[in-house]
Amino acid sequence: MTSRERWTVYPLLFLAIGLAVRAAIVADDDRAARDDGLETGQLVCRELIVTGTDGTVLVHLGRVVGGGGGRIEVKDGTGVDAIAIGTRPDRRDGAVEFFDATGEPAGSLTATEPRLP
């Protein structure tokens, strides 16, 4: 094999080996991402959304109400708010809010005692 042939064949050989290894690694990562479970010591994210098989949002964790603090919204099977836990943009204190069948606020639980300075 001449030097000129080596400069053509060996780079192509290494390229082919690299692509084959990359394809095997990517296939393993895709399989792991599609598994039914995930185990981790800590999960950091800005927002977490749990959906049903039809794509309906069932649980929404994050900053969901117009710039308010953290909030958890649990919805019924049709995606209508059922209960919410967290803060509102207009108030700093936390609350548990209840919603009727149409998603309109029906009541809430909040702290009744003033905070100590």
Protein backbone atom coordinates (compact mmCIF):
# COMPACT_ATOMS: atom_id res chain seq x y z
CA MET A 1 0.00 0.00 0.00
CA THR A 2 1.41 3.34 -0.95
CA SER A 3 1.57 6.36 1.29
CA ARG A 4 -1.11 8.06 -0.75
CA GLU A 5 -3.47 5.09 -0.30
CA ARG A 6 -2.83 5.08 3.47
CA TRP A 7 -3.76 8.79 3.69
CA THR A 8 -7.10 7.87 2.11
CA VAL A 9 -7.92 4.52 3.72
CA TYR A 10 -6.96 5.05 7.38
CA PRO A 11 -8.97 8.26 7.97
CA LEU A 12 -11.99 6.59 6.40
CA LEU A 13 -11.44 3.51 8.59
CA PHE A 14 -11.30 5.60 11.79
CA LEU A 15 -14.35 7.57 10.69
CA ALA A 16 -16.32 4.35 10.13
CA ILE A 17 -15.28 2.93 13.52
CA GLY A 18 -16.16 6.22 15.26
CA LEU A 19 -19.60 6.36 13.65
CA ALA A 20 -20.30 2.75 14.61
CA VAL A 21 -19.33 3.37 18.25
CA ARG A 22 -21.35 6.60 18.35
CA ALA A 23 -24.43 4.82 16.99
CA ALA A 24 -24.16 2.15 19.70
CA ILE A 25 -23.84 4.76 22.46
CA VAL A 26 -26.75 6.88 21.19
CA ALA A 27 -28.95 3.77 20.90
CA ASP A 28 -28.24 2.90 24.56
CA ASP A 29 -29.07 6.47 25.68
CA ASP A 30 -32.35 6.45 23.73
CA ARG A 31 -33.32 3.12 25.26
CA ALA A 32 -32.60 4.40 28.76
CA ALA A 33 -34.66 7.54 28.15
CA ARG A 34 -37.66 5.47 27.03
CA ASP A 35 -37.66 3.12 30.02
CA ASP A 36 -40.57 3.20 32.46
CA GLY A 37 -38.41 4.29 35.38
CA LEU A 38 -35.78 6.79 36.33
CA GLU A 39 -33.81 6.71 39.54
CA THR A 40 -31.73 9.65 40.67
CA GLY A 41 -30.53 11.23 43.89
CA GLN A 42 -31.53 14.75 42.88
CA LEU A 43 -33.54 16.27 40.06
CA VAL A 44 -33.23 19.96 39.28
CA CYS A 45 -35.59 21.53 36.77
CA ARG A 46 -37.62 24.71 36.25
CA GLU A 47 -40.90 22.96 35.62
CA LEU A 48 -42.37 19.46 35.85
CA ILE A 49 -45.48 18.46 33.93
CA VAL A 50 -47.24 15.10 34.31
CA THR A 51 -49.55 14.22 31.42
CA GLY A 52 -52.01 11.45 30.72
CA THR A 53 -51.73 9.10 27.77
CA ASP A 54 -53.82 11.53 25.68
CA GLY A 55 -51.57 14.50 26.50
CA THR A 56 -53.87 16.09 29.08
CA VAL A 57 -51.91 17.91 31.82
CA LEU A 58 -52.70 16.22 35.15
CA VAL A 59 -50.07 17.77 37.46
CA HIS A 60 -48.06 20.94 36.94
CA LEU A 61 -45.20 21.90 39.27
CA GLY A 62 -43.42 25.19 38.80
CA ARG A 63 -44.05 28.91 38.53
CA VAL A 64 -47.42 28.70 36.87
CA VAL A 65 -49.43 31.75 37.89
CA GLY A 66 -48.27 35.06 36.41
CA GLY A 67 -44.87 35.31 38.05
CA GLY A 68 -45.88 33.96 41.46
CA GLY A 69 -43.66 31.70 43.51
CA GLY A 70 -43.62 27.92 43.45
CA ARG A 71 -46.93 26.16 42.89
CA ILE A 72 -48.33 22.68 42.42
CA GLU A 73 -51.52 22.34 40.41
CA VAL A 74 -53.40 19.04 40.35
CA LYS A 75 -56.01 18.72 37.62
CA ASP A 76 -58.81 16.26 36.91
CA GLY A 77 -58.84 13.85 33.97
CA THR A 78 -59.99 16.58 31.57
CA GLY A 79 -57.25 19.06 32.55
CA VAL A 80 -59.44 21.34 34.71
CA ASP A 81 -57.89 22.63 37.97
CA ALA A 82 -58.96 20.64 41.04
CA ILE A 83 -56.52 21.75 43.76
CA ALA A 84 -53.49 24.03 43.92
CA ILE A 85 -50.80 24.36 46.57
CA GLY A 86 -48.41 27.28 46.63
CA THR A 87 -48.27 31.04 46.31
CA ARG A 88 -50.07 33.63 44.17
CA PRO A 89 -48.48 36.57 42.34
CA ASP A 90 -50.51 39.08 44.39
CA ARG A 91 -49.74 37.54 47.81
CA ARG A 92 -46.59 36.25 49.43
CA ASP A 93 -48.16 33.71 51.78
CA GLY A 94 -48.90 30.17 50.72
CA ALA A 95 -52.32 28.59 50.39
CA VAL A 96 -54.16 25.45 49.43
CA GLU A 97 -56.83 26.37 46.88
CA PHE A 98 -59.83 24.29 45.86
CA PHE A 99 -61.67 24.57 42.54
CA ASP A 100 -65.17 23.52 41.48
CA ALA A 101 -65.99 21.27 38.52
CA THR A 102 -65.59 24.15 36.06
CA GLY A 103 -62.15 25.16 37.38
CA GLU A 104 -63.37 28.29 39.20
CA PRO A 105 -61.97 28.93 42.72
CA ALA A 106 -64.25 27.41 45.37
CA GLY A 107 -62.24 28.05 48.54
CA SER A 108 -58.81 28.10 50.09
CA LEU A 109 -56.86 27.38 53.25
CA THR A 110 -54.38 30.03 54.33
CA ALA A 111 -52.54 30.95 57.50
CA THR A 112 -54.74 33.04 59.81
CA GLU A 113 -52.12 34.10 62.34
CA PRO A 114 -49.82 37.00 61.50
CA ARG A 115 -46.13 36.18 61.18
CA LEU A 116 -43.72 37.22 63.84
CA PRO A 117 -41.06 39.70 62.72
